[in-house]
């Protein structure tokens, strides 16, 4: 059989498949270069992965309640979903936001919303991931200020942000600003956090959404690394050394499909990233060479037909993430193919990870598949495939150029079409959908998350009241300072911190960026 990444799998593997393979240099010990076996010596024997369910809907108060529900049931990290208006840099009362406020995530307009959302949450102990891209610099500023208000200084704040705009141009499409300005904002957050908030990871490069858009598992890693290199170079060009900031990078990868392919891509990716940082960029600090990652539990692998099957799928996705050495997991819920997850569904996903960690034995030993003829051969072949895709991106002139010209988008879109065609013909098996399907007449009633019009009206009223009660002159002063600094090419994070403290809104700040950087226009080739 052939895996999605194009690797042929044989029926039997033996020692001949590893001739010339040196375990000392290709594997090493856990916690040692090249980190194939994991970035920590004890891995889950000493500390299991962070369980960070993707959560957020409606108002900040609604989301705060769900945060506390999950923490009370043993969740060890938070992964915040934001609504589409927030992702698109729109305030809740913007006409373009109508019908979408709070629908697929938490609505955020100003610092006030972060104050509510994280009320009673121990930010210094529960690390928070902000799943946001175009306005990431704004929301990082809001989060750091909210943490400071709660008594946690910047240098003590853990967490990360999915601050990866290049994958938005490739995948989801939630872009706002033109490419150079958007990348500059990411560079600003990396430089700022390296100097002021060293425990905070300001960018989580998201291969996850590239995979969801049609990339193969090998391309997911390759394109993720190529994206990361663009951000690395941006910060190097500012005069920083790679070991000043590279330890702040993290990755968000997908984990659906063939179990062994997923395990191999994580092991190969970890080894390749370490070598890239050491050999190409001259890193001397082992922490800078770690491919720290969250394994996201495979949204595209879920189905709305026979949704309970997704509970089983999710368990295997979590198993793949654990066998692949993930530091963090966010497991999709069984109902997430068609709605915002219910508390019951989220609890099942959380319990799935807890069972794997504490009942099944994944915390017994480090990298239990190490030395397998099959796994080590597949890891080697996966590393080669990843390199080939990275070389192709380099031949195109780098990821930024490939995105600007629509080359990556065109390739991934074509692959998405082919995958959908295979699903429809049955060449790609999906149990309960195109094989052993029960039929539409036997489909169960499914519970949908209702859209709360009253809550939206309340959110808009709160925003309008905020505008009336805040110091408008102070807001305008800080927005003017921000625009002046943006036109001068300065690092904008200190100015953003000052602006959000006046309760300037996401929409107001974003208009400054649009004035300076311009709006992104999709290439005609896509």
Protein backbone atom coordinates (compact mmCIF):
# COMPACT_ATOMS: atom_id res chain seq x y z
CA UNK A 1 0.00 0.00 0.00
CA UNK A 2 0.99 3.65 -0.44
CA UNK A 3 0.66 6.23 2.33
CA UNK A 4 -0.74 9.69 1.63
CA UNK A 5 2.77 11.17 1.71
CA UNK A 6 3.71 8.92 -1.22
CA UNK A 7 5.69 6.32 0.75
CA UNK A 8 5.24 2.67 -0.22
CA UNK A 9 4.66 0.41 2.79
CA UNK A 10 5.93 -3.15 2.53
CA UNK A 11 4.25 -6.17 4.07
CA UNK A 12 7.32 -7.11 6.08
CA UNK A 13 10.29 -5.14 7.42
CA UNK A 14 13.54 -6.59 8.78
CA UNK A 15 17.14 -5.66 9.55
CA UNK A 16 17.94 -5.22 5.86
CA UNK A 17 15.75 -2.11 5.79
CA UNK A 18 18.06 -0.44 8.31
CA UNK A 19 21.42 -1.33 6.76
CA UNK A 20 23.82 1.57 7.24
CA UNK A 21 21.48 3.17 9.77
CA UNK A 22 23.31 4.42 12.85
CA UNK A 23 21.05 4.54 15.93
CA UNK A 24 23.58 6.64 17.83
CA UNK A 25 23.38 9.53 15.36
CA UNK A 26 19.82 9.03 14.05
CA UNK A 27 18.13 8.31 17.37
CA UNK A 28 20.35 9.31 20.26
CA UNK A 29 18.92 9.24 23.75
CA UNK A 30 15.62 10.89 24.71
CA UNK A 31 16.25 14.54 25.45
CA UNK A 32 19.45 14.60 23.41
CA UNK A 33 20.25 15.80 19.90
CA UNK A 34 18.74 15.12 17.37
CA UNK A 35 15.72 14.56 19.66
CA UNK A 36 14.13 11.84 17.50
CA UNK A 37 12.99 10.10 20.70
CA UNK A 38 11.61 13.25 22.33
CA UNK A 39 12.84 16.58 23.62
CA UNK A 40 12.85 15.58 27.31
CA UNK A 41 14.84 12.70 28.85
CA UNK A 42 11.90 11.29 30.82
CA UNK A 43 9.03 12.39 28.55
CA UNK A 44 5.67 11.10 29.88
CA UNK A 45 7.32 9.00 32.58
CA UNK A 46 7.96 12.29 34.37
CA UNK A 47 5.19 14.51 33.01
CA UNK A 48 2.40 13.65 30.61
CA UNK A 49 1.46 15.93 27.77
CA UNK A 50 -0.47 19.13 28.45
CA UNK A 51 -4.18 18.59 27.75
CA UNK A 52 -5.37 21.74 26.03
CA UNK A 53 -8.87 21.42 24.57
CA UNK A 54 -9.89 24.01 21.97
CA UNK A 55 -12.54 26.13 23.69
CA UNK A 56 -14.40 29.37 23.20
CA UNK A 57 -17.84 30.55 22.12
CA UNK A 58 -20.25 33.40 22.63
CA UNK A 59 -19.25 36.04 25.15
CA UNK A 60 -16.12 36.16 27.32
CA UNK A 61 -18.35 35.29 30.31
CA UNK A 62 -19.64 32.16 28.54
CA UNK A 63 -16.10 31.14 27.66
CA UNK A 64 -14.87 31.77 31.20
CA UNK A 65 -17.46 29.31 32.50
CA UNK A 66 -16.32 26.63 30.02
CA UNK A 67 -12.66 27.28 30.95
CA UNK A 68 -13.44 26.64 34.59
CA UNK A 69 -15.53 23.54 33.77
CA UNK A 70 -12.59 21.96 31.93
CA UNK A 71 -9.99 22.95 34.53
CA UNK A 72 -12.22 21.51 37.28
CA UNK A 73 -12.22 18.20 35.37
CA UNK A 74 -8.45 17.97 35.06
CA UNK A 75 -7.54 19.95 31.95
CA UNK A 76 -4.02 21.35 32.29
CA UNK A 77 -3.97 24.08 29.61
CA UNK A 78 -6.35 26.33 27.69
CA UNK A 79 -6.67 26.71 23.91
CA UNK A 80 -8.85 29.72 23.08
CA UNK A 81 -11.13 29.87 20.04
CA UNK A 82 -12.09 33.31 18.71
CA UNK A 83 -15.07 34.19 16.56
CA UNK A 84 -14.66 35.13 12.90
CA UNK A 85 -15.12 38.89 13.40
CA UNK A 86 -12.24 38.90 15.90
CA UNK A 87 -10.12 36.80 13.54
CA UNK A 88 -10.89 39.29 10.76
CA UNK A 89 -10.05 42.31 12.96
CA UNK A 90 -13.67 43.49 13.17
CA UNK A 91 -15.42 44.84 16.26
CA UNK A 92 -18.68 43.19 17.27
CA UNK A 93 -20.76 46.17 16.11
CA UNK A 94 -19.16 46.32 12.67
CA UNK A 95 -21.81 45.70 9.95
CA UNK A 96 -19.50 43.05 8.45
CA UNK A 97 -19.67 41.10 11.73
CA UNK A 98 -23.45 40.67 11.68
CA UNK A 99 -24.54 37.08 12.22
CA UNK A 100 -21.06 35.87 13.21
CA UNK A 101 -20.44 37.45 16.62
CA UNK A 102 -19.62 34.66 19.07
CA UNK A 103 -20.76 31.95 16.67
CA UNK A 104 -17.59 29.86 16.33
CA UNK A 105 -15.51 31.31 19.14
CA UNK A 106 -15.24 33.99 21.78
CA UNK A 107 -15.95 37.56 20.70
CA UNK A 108 -13.17 39.96 21.70
CA UNK A 109 -13.27 43.69 21.17
CA UNK A 110 -11.01 45.13 23.86
CA UNK A 111 -8.92 44.43 26.95
CA UNK A 112 -12.16 44.38 28.94
CA UNK A 113 -13.08 41.05 27.29
CA UNK A 114 -9.81 39.46 28.37
CA UNK A 115 -10.37 40.72 31.90
CA UNK A 116 -13.70 38.87 31.95
CA UNK A 117 -12.57 35.73 30.11
CA UNK A 118 -9.63 35.10 32.43
CA UNK A 119 -11.22 36.18 35.68
CA UNK A 120 -10.31 33.58 38.30
CA UNK A 121 -7.97 31.69 35.92
CA UNK A 122 -4.44 31.19 37.34
CA UNK A 123 -2.57 32.42 34.26
CA UNK A 124 0.80 31.76 35.88
CA UNK A 125 -0.07 28.07 36.34
CA UNK A 126 -2.43 27.22 33.44
CA UNK A 127 -0.72 28.00 30.15
CA UNK A 128 -2.98 29.57 27.54
CA UNK A 129 -2.83 29.24 23.76
CA UNK A 130 -4.49 31.99 21.73
CA UNK A 131 -5.64 30.51 18.42
CA UNK A 132 -5.55 33.74 16.46
CA UNK A 133 -3.55 34.98 13.50
CA UNK A 134 -4.05 38.33 11.74
CA UNK A 135 -4.71 40.28 14.98
CA UNK A 136 -2.34 38.12 17.06
CA UNK A 137 -0.05 40.99 18.05
CA UNK A 138 -3.05 42.91 19.39
CA UNK A 139 -4.42 39.97 21.37
CA UNK A 140 -1.00 39.01 22.72
CA UNK A 141 -0.72 42.57 24.05
CA UNK A 142 -4.16 42.29 25.63
CA UNK A 143 -3.35 38.93 27.20
CA UNK A 144 -0.04 40.12 28.68
CA UNK A 145 -1.67 43.24 30.11
CA UNK A 146 -4.52 41.15 31.58
CA UNK A 147 -1.95 38.82 33.15
CA UNK A 148 -0.08 41.78 34.63
CA UNK A 149 -3.33 43.12 36.09
CA UNK A 150 -3.83 39.72 37.75
CA UNK A 151 -0.41 39.98 39.38
CA UNK A 152 1.65 37.93 36.90
CA UNK A 153 4.56 39.94 35.48
CA UNK A 154 5.39 39.57 31.80
CA UNK A 155 8.47 37.43 32.44
CA UNK A 156 6.38 34.88 34.37
CA UNK A 157 3.59 34.42 31.81
CA UNK A 158 3.52 31.00 30.08
CA UNK A 159 1.57 30.23 26.92
CA UNK A 160 1.63 30.69 23.17
CA UNK A 161 -0.25 32.16 20.24
CA UNK A 162 -1.07 30.70 16.84
CA UNK A 163 0.56 33.74 15.35
CA UNK A 164 1.15 32.35 11.84
CA UNK A 165 -0.17 34.44 8.99
CA UNK A 166 1.57 32.65 6.11
CA UNK A 167 -0.50 29.52 6.64
CA UNK A 168 -3.64 31.71 6.51
CA UNK A 169 -2.75 32.71 2.97
CA UNK A 170 -2.31 29.00 2.17
CA UNK A 171 -5.18 27.49 4.12
CA UNK A 172 -8.00 29.05 6.10
CA UNK A 173 -8.05 32.42 4.38
CA UNK A 174 -8.46 34.56 7.52
CA UNK A 175 -5.96 37.13 6.30
CA UNK A 176 -6.27 40.90 6.66
CA UNK A 177 -2.99 42.79 6.15
CA UNK A 178 -0.63 42.54 3.19
CA UNK A 179 2.18 40.02 3.48
CA UNK A 180 5.20 42.23 4.37
CA UNK A 181 3.33 44.09 7.11
CA UNK A 182 1.80 40.89 8.49
CA UNK A 183 5.21 39.22 8.73
CA UNK A 184 6.67 42.33 10.36
CA UNK A 185 4.05 42.12 13.10
CA UNK A 186 5.03 38.51 13.77
CA UNK A 187 8.69 39.52 13.93
CA UNK A 188 7.77 42.28 16.39
CA UNK A 189 6.09 39.79 18.73
CA UNK A 190 9.04 37.38 18.57
CA UNK A 191 11.61 40.10 19.28
CA UNK A 192 9.50 41.64 22.05
CA UNK A 193 8.83 38.37 23.87
CA UNK A 194 12.48 37.29 23.60
CA UNK A 195 13.42 40.43 25.51
CA UNK A 196 10.43 40.97 27.83
CA UNK A 197 8.35 37.78 28.14
CA UNK A 198 10.79 34.86 27.73
CA UNK A 199 8.34 32.17 28.97
CA UNK A 200 5.77 33.16 26.36
CA UNK A 201 5.98 31.55 22.91
CA UNK A 202 4.80 34.29 20.53
CA UNK A 203 4.41 32.09 17.45
CA UNK A 204 2.99 28.62 16.95
CA UNK A 205 3.58 27.70 13.32
CA UNK A 206 0.44 25.92 12.18
CA UNK A 207 0.94 23.06 9.79
CA UNK A 208 -2.43 21.84 11.06
CA UNK A 209 -4.46 24.11 8.79
CA UNK A 210 -2.19 23.50 5.82
CA UNK A 211 -2.92 19.79 6.26
CA UNK A 212 -6.65 20.48 6.61
CA UNK A 213 -6.49 22.39 3.33
CA UNK A 214 -5.13 19.45 1.35
CA UNK A 215 -1.43 18.98 2.14
CA UNK A 216 -0.04 15.51 2.76
CA UNK A 217 1.49 14.72 6.18
CA UNK A 218 5.01 15.19 4.73
CA UNK A 219 4.03 18.53 3.17
CA UNK A 220 2.42 19.61 6.43
CA UNK A 221 5.80 19.38 8.18
CA UNK A 222 7.76 20.72 5.21
CA UNK A 223 5.58 23.75 4.66
CA UNK A 224 5.44 24.40 8.40
CA UNK A 225 9.23 24.46 8.57
CA UNK A 226 9.48 26.64 5.46
CA UNK A 227 7.07 29.10 7.08
CA UNK A 228 9.07 29.07 10.30
CA UNK A 229 12.25 29.84 8.37
CA UNK A 230 10.66 33.02 7.02
CA UNK A 231 9.95 34.19 10.57
CA UNK A 232 13.41 33.14 11.76
CA UNK A 233 15.05 35.15 8.98
CA UNK A 234 12.92 38.20 9.74
CA UNK A 235 14.19 38.26 13.32
CA UNK A 236 17.78 37.48 12.35
CA UNK A 237 17.66 40.49 10.02
CA UNK A 238 16.88 42.62 13.09
CA UNK A 239 20.28 41.73 14.57
CA UNK A 240 19.24 39.04 17.05
CA UNK A 241 21.04 35.70 17.21
CA UNK A 242 19.08 32.51 16.66
CA UNK A 243 19.54 31.35 20.27
CA UNK A 244 18.07 34.65 21.47
CA UNK A 245 14.60 33.69 20.24
CA UNK A 246 14.30 30.24 18.59
CA UNK A 247 13.33 28.53 21.85
CA UNK A 248 10.11 30.58 21.67
CA UNK A 249 8.95 28.79 18.53
CA UNK A 250 6.34 26.05 18.76
CA UNK A 251 4.34 24.11 16.18
CA UNK A 252 0.72 23.04 15.77
CA UNK A 253 0.42 19.85 13.74
CA UNK A 254 -2.50 17.69 12.68
CA UNK A 255 -2.91 14.06 13.64
CA UNK A 256 -5.49 12.25 11.52
CA UNK A 257 -5.02 9.48 8.99
CA UNK A 258 -2.72 6.49 9.09
CA UNK A 259 -1.42 5.93 12.62
CA UNK A 260 2.11 4.96 11.61
CA UNK A 261 2.43 7.83 9.14
CA UNK A 262 1.54 10.31 11.89
CA UNK A 263 4.04 8.84 14.35
CA UNK A 264 6.81 8.84 11.74
CA UNK A 265 6.18 12.43 10.64
CA UNK A 266 6.53 13.70 14.22
CA UNK A 267 9.73 11.74 14.86
CA UNK A 268 11.21 12.74 11.48
CA UNK A 269 10.14 16.34 11.91
CA UNK A 270 11.72 16.61 15.34
CA UNK A 271 15.04 15.28 14.02
CA UNK A 272 15.00 17.49 10.93
CA UNK A 273 14.13 20.68 12.85
CA UNK A 274 17.01 20.08 15.27
CA UNK A 275 19.44 19.60 12.41
CA UNK A 276 18.12 22.63 10.56
CA UNK A 277 18.59 24.91 13.57
CA UNK A 278 22.03 23.55 14.38
CA UNK A 279 23.54 23.13 10.93
CA UNK A 280 21.92 25.96 8.94
CA UNK A 281 21.42 28.62 11.61
CA UNK A 282 24.27 27.78 13.97
CA UNK A 283 22.23 27.21 17.09
CA UNK A 284 24.29 26.12 20.10
CA UNK A 285 21.48 26.00 22.67
CA UNK A 286 19.66 22.62 22.66
CA UNK A 287 16.40 24.30 23.69
CA UNK A 288 16.46 26.30 20.46
CA UNK A 289 16.61 23.01 18.54
CA UNK A 290 13.49 21.51 20.14
CA UNK A 291 10.48 21.03 17.92
CA UNK A 292 7.93 21.78 20.63
CA UNK A 293 4.49 20.86 19.35
CA UNK A 294 0.81 20.50 19.99
CA UNK A 295 -0.88 17.58 18.23
CA UNK A 296 -4.33 18.70 17.13
CA UNK A 297 -6.92 15.96 16.96
CA UNK A 298 -7.77 15.90 13.29
CA UNK A 299 -10.86 17.94 12.37
CA UNK A 300 -10.84 16.70 8.79
CA UNK A 301 -10.83 13.14 10.02
CA UNK A 302 -14.21 13.55 11.73
CA UNK A 303 -17.62 12.87 10.18
CA UNK A 304 -21.14 14.06 10.93
CA UNK A 305 -22.44 10.68 9.83
CA UNK A 306 -22.48 8.31 12.83
CA UNK A 307 -20.71 10.93 14.96
CA UNK A 308 -20.06 8.56 17.87
CA UNK A 309 -17.46 6.90 15.63
CA UNK A 310 -15.45 10.08 16.11
CA UNK A 311 -14.88 9.12 19.75
CA UNK A 312 -13.00 6.06 18.51
CA UNK A 313 -11.15 8.06 15.88
CA UNK A 314 -10.16 10.63 18.48
CA UNK A 315 -8.68 7.97 20.75
CA UNK A 316 -6.43 6.74 17.95
CA UNK A 317 -5.45 10.30 17.02
CA UNK A 318 -4.43 10.87 20.63
CA UNK A 319 -2.50 7.59 20.59
CA UNK A 320 -0.61 8.72 17.48
CA UNK A 321 0.21 12.06 19.11
CA UNK A 322 1.49 10.34 22.24
CA UNK A 323 3.54 7.72 20.38
CA UNK A 324 4.93 10.57 18.26
CA UNK A 325 6.11 12.50 21.33
CA UNK A 326 3.78 15.54 21.45
CA UNK A 327 4.19 17.97 24.35
CA UNK A 328 0.57 19.11 24.14
CA UNK A 329 -2.67 17.75 22.71
CA UNK A 330 -5.98 19.32 21.72
CA UNK A 331 -8.29 16.48 20.83
CA UNK A 332 -11.27 17.27 18.59
CA UNK A 333 -14.67 16.33 20.04
CA UNK A 334 -17.05 13.82 18.45
CA UNK A 335 -19.64 16.52 17.63
CA UNK A 336 -17.14 19.04 16.27
CA UNK A 337 -17.83 18.03 12.66
CA UNK A 338 -21.10 19.92 12.82
CA UNK A 339 -21.29 22.18 15.90
CA UNK A 340 -19.57 23.93 18.79
CA UNK A 341 -18.74 21.05 21.18
CA UNK A 342 -21.11 20.40 24.06
CA UNK A 343 -19.71 20.10 27.60
CA UNK A 344 -20.35 16.33 27.40
CA UNK A 345 -18.37 15.99 24.17
CA UNK A 346 -15.47 18.03 25.52
CA UNK A 347 -15.40 15.95 28.69
CA UNK A 348 -15.26 12.72 26.65
CA UNK A 349 -12.25 14.03 24.71
CA UNK A 350 -10.53 15.11 27.90
CA UNK A 351 -11.25 11.74 29.51
CA UNK A 352 -9.89 9.99 26.39
CA UNK A 353 -6.51 11.66 26.88
CA UNK A 354 -6.55 11.02 30.63
CA UNK A 355 -7.29 7.32 30.07
CA UNK A 356 -4.44 7.01 27.59
CA UNK A 357 -2.06 8.78 29.95
CA UNK A 358 -3.02 7.08 33.21
CA UNK A 359 -4.64 3.72 32.39
CA UNK A 360 -3.26 2.38 29.12
CA UNK A 361 0.46 2.68 29.90
CA UNK A 362 1.74 5.45 27.66
CA UNK A 363 3.58 6.85 30.66
CA UNK A 364 5.49 3.58 31.26
CA UNK A 365 8.48 4.17 29.00
CA UNK A 366 9.90 6.73 26.58
CA UNK A 367 9.42 6.27 22.81
CA UNK A 368 8.19 2.66 22.96
CA UNK A 369 8.39 2.23 19.16
CA UNK A 370 12.10 3.09 18.95
CA UNK A 371 14.14 0.47 17.13
CA UNK A 372 11.20 -0.98 15.23
CA UNK A 373 12.31 -1.96 11.73
CA UNK A 374 9.09 -0.49 10.35
CA UNK A 375 8.95 2.73 12.38
CA UNK A 376 12.61 3.63 11.93
CA UNK A 377 12.46 2.90 8.19
CA UNK A 378 9.28 4.95 7.86
CA UNK A 379 10.82 7.79 9.91
CA UNK A 380 13.82 7.84 7.58
CA UNK A 381 11.65 7.86 4.46
CA UNK A 382 9.40 10.54 5.94
CA UNK A 383 12.39 12.77 6.66
CA UNK A 384 13.49 12.41 3.03
CA UNK A 385 10.00 13.31 1.77
CA UNK A 386 9.89 16.38 4.01
CA UNK A 387 13.28 17.51 2.69
CA UNK A 388 12.10 17.10 -0.92
CA UNK A 389 9.11 19.37 -0.31
CA UNK A 390 11.27 21.93 1.48
CA UNK A 391 13.70 21.92 -1.44
CA UNK A 392 10.80 22.57 -3.79
CA UNK A 393 9.72 25.60 -1.75
CA UNK A 394 13.29 26.88 -1.77
CA UNK A 395 13.42 26.46 -5.56
CA UNK A 396 10.30 28.63 -5.79
CA UNK A 397 12.17 31.39 -3.95
CA UNK A 398 11.01 30.69 -0.40
CA UNK A 399 7.65 30.45 1.27
CA UNK A 400 6.77 34.14 1.15
CA UNK A 401 7.29 34.30 -2.59
CA UNK A 402 5.45 30.99 -3.10
CA UNK A 403 2.49 32.41 -1.16
CA UNK A 404 2.52 35.75 -2.99
CA UNK A 405 2.44 33.97 -6.35
CA UNK A 406 -0.17 31.43 -5.23
CA UNK A 407 2.05 28.41 -5.94
CA UNK A 408 1.49 26.70 -2.59
CA UNK A 409 -2.23 27.52 -2.58
CA UNK A 410 -2.70 26.04 -6.05
CA UNK A 411 -0.88 22.83 -5.16
CA UNK A 412 -2.71 22.28 -1.87
CA UNK A 413 -6.10 23.07 -3.40
CA UNK A 414 -5.59 20.54 -6.18
CA UNK A 415 -4.68 17.89 -3.62
CA UNK A 416 -7.79 18.72 -1.59
CA UNK A 417 -9.88 18.17 -4.71
CA UNK A 418 -8.22 14.82 -5.36
CA UNK A 419 -8.78 13.71 -1.75
CA UNK A 420 -12.47 14.60 -1.96
CA UNK A 421 -12.73 12.70 -5.25
CA UNK A 422 -11.20 9.63 -3.61
CA UNK A 423 -13.71 9.88 -0.76
CA UNK A 424 -16.59 10.00 -3.22
CA UNK A 425 -15.33 7.03 -5.21
CA UNK A 426 -14.51 5.03 -2.08
CA UNK A 427 -10.81 4.81 -2.90
CA UNK A 428 -10.24 6.63 0.42
CA UNK A 429 -12.14 4.56 3.00
CA UNK A 430 -14.25 6.36 5.59
CA UNK A 431 -16.20 3.99 7.80
CA UNK A 432 -19.86 4.92 8.10
CA UNK A 433 -19.58 7.33 5.17
CA UNK A 434 -18.51 5.45 2.03
CA UNK A 435 -18.15 1.98 3.56
CA UNK A 436 -20.58 0.21 5.91
CA UNK A 437 -22.77 3.31 5.70
CA UNK A 438 -26.15 3.04 7.44
CA UNK A 439 -27.87 5.46 5.04
CA UNK A 440 -29.52 8.82 5.48
CA UNK A 441 -32.77 7.33 6.83
CA UNK A 442 -30.99 5.94 9.87
CA UNK A 443 -29.00 9.04 10.76
CA UNK A 444 -29.56 10.22 14.29
CA UNK A 445 -30.80 13.60 15.39
CA UNK A 446 -27.80 15.74 16.26
CA UNK A 447 -27.62 18.51 18.83
CA UNK A 448 -26.56 21.87 17.42
CA UNK A 449 -25.16 24.78 19.38
CA UNK A 450 -27.82 27.53 19.26
CA UNK A 451 -26.90 31.05 18.15
CA UNK A 452 -27.79 33.40 20.99
CA UNK A 453 -29.11 36.64 19.46
CA UNK A 454 -29.71 38.18 22.91
CA UNK A 455 -26.11 37.55 23.92
CA UNK A 456 -24.93 39.24 20.70
CA UNK A 457 -27.08 42.28 21.37
CA UNK A 458 -25.70 42.44 24.90
CA UNK A 459 -22.13 42.24 23.58
CA UNK A 460 -22.73 45.11 21.17
CA UNK A 461 -24.32 47.20 23.93
CA UNK A 462 -21.32 46.56 26.20
CA UNK A 463 -18.94 47.65 23.45
CA UNK A 464 -20.85 50.86 22.82
CA UNK A 465 -20.91 51.59 26.55
CA UNK A 466 -17.15 51.02 26.70
CA UNK A 467 -16.62 53.59 23.98
CA UNK A 468 -18.70 56.13 25.89
CA UNK A 469 -16.99 55.56 29.23
CA UNK A 470 -13.33 55.31 28.26
CA UNK A 471 -10.95 58.26 27.83
CA UNK A 472 -11.40 58.95 24.10
CA UNK A 473 -8.57 61.46 23.98
CA UNK A 474 -6.17 58.88 25.43
CA UNK A 475 -7.33 56.30 22.91
CA UNK A 476 -6.76 58.63 19.99
CA UNK A 477 -3.37 59.70 21.34
CA UNK A 478 -2.15 56.10 21.56
CA UNK A 479 -3.54 55.18 18.14
CA UNK A 480 -1.69 58.16 16.64
CA UNK A 481 1.54 57.11 18.38
CA UNK A 482 1.03 53.57 17.07
CA UNK A 483 0.60 54.76 13.48
CA UNK A 484 3.66 56.99 13.68
CA UNK A 485 5.75 54.10 15.00
CA UNK A 486 4.39 51.77 12.30
CA UNK A 487 5.36 54.19 9.54
CA UNK A 488 8.81 54.54 11.11
CA UNK A 489 9.33 50.75 11.12
CA UNK A 490 9.66 50.46 14.90
CA UNK A 491 8.77 47.40 16.96
CA UNK A 492 5.07 47.97 17.61
CA UNK A 493 4.52 45.81 20.68
CA UNK A 494 5.30 48.51 23.27
CA UNK A 495 2.88 50.86 21.49
CA UNK A 496 0.23 48.13 21.33
CA UNK A 497 0.56 47.59 25.07
CA UNK A 498 -0.11 51.27 25.66
CA UNK A 499 -3.03 51.32 23.21
CA UNK A 500 -4.85 48.31 24.67
CA UNK A 501 -4.53 49.78 28.18
CA UNK A 502 -6.75 52.65 27.01
CA UNK A 503 -9.31 50.05 25.83
CA UNK A 504 -8.71 50.77 22.16
CA UNK A 505 -10.54 48.04 20.25
CA UNK A 506 -9.32 45.36 17.88
CA UNK A 507 -11.08 47.11 15.00
CA UNK A 508 -9.64 50.54 15.79
CA UNK A 509 -6.08 49.24 16.08
CA UNK A 510 -6.44 47.15 12.93
CA UNK A 511 -7.51 50.19 10.93
CA UNK A 512 -4.15 51.74 11.81
CA UNK A 513 -2.38 48.66 10.43
CA UNK A 514 -4.50 48.69 7.29
CA UNK A 515 -3.63 52.35 6.71
CA UNK A 516 0.08 51.60 7.01
CA UNK A 517 0.47 48.06 5.64
CA UNK A 518 -2.44 47.81 3.21
CA UNK A 519 -4.83 44.89 2.69
CA UNK A 520 -3.87 41.52 1.24
CA UNK A 521 -5.18 40.63 -2.22
CA UNK A 522 -5.37 36.99 -3.18
CA UNK A 523 -3.29 36.03 -6.26
CA UNK A 524 -5.29 35.45 -9.41
CA UNK A 525 -3.69 32.00 -9.80
CA UNK A 526 -5.48 30.64 -6.71
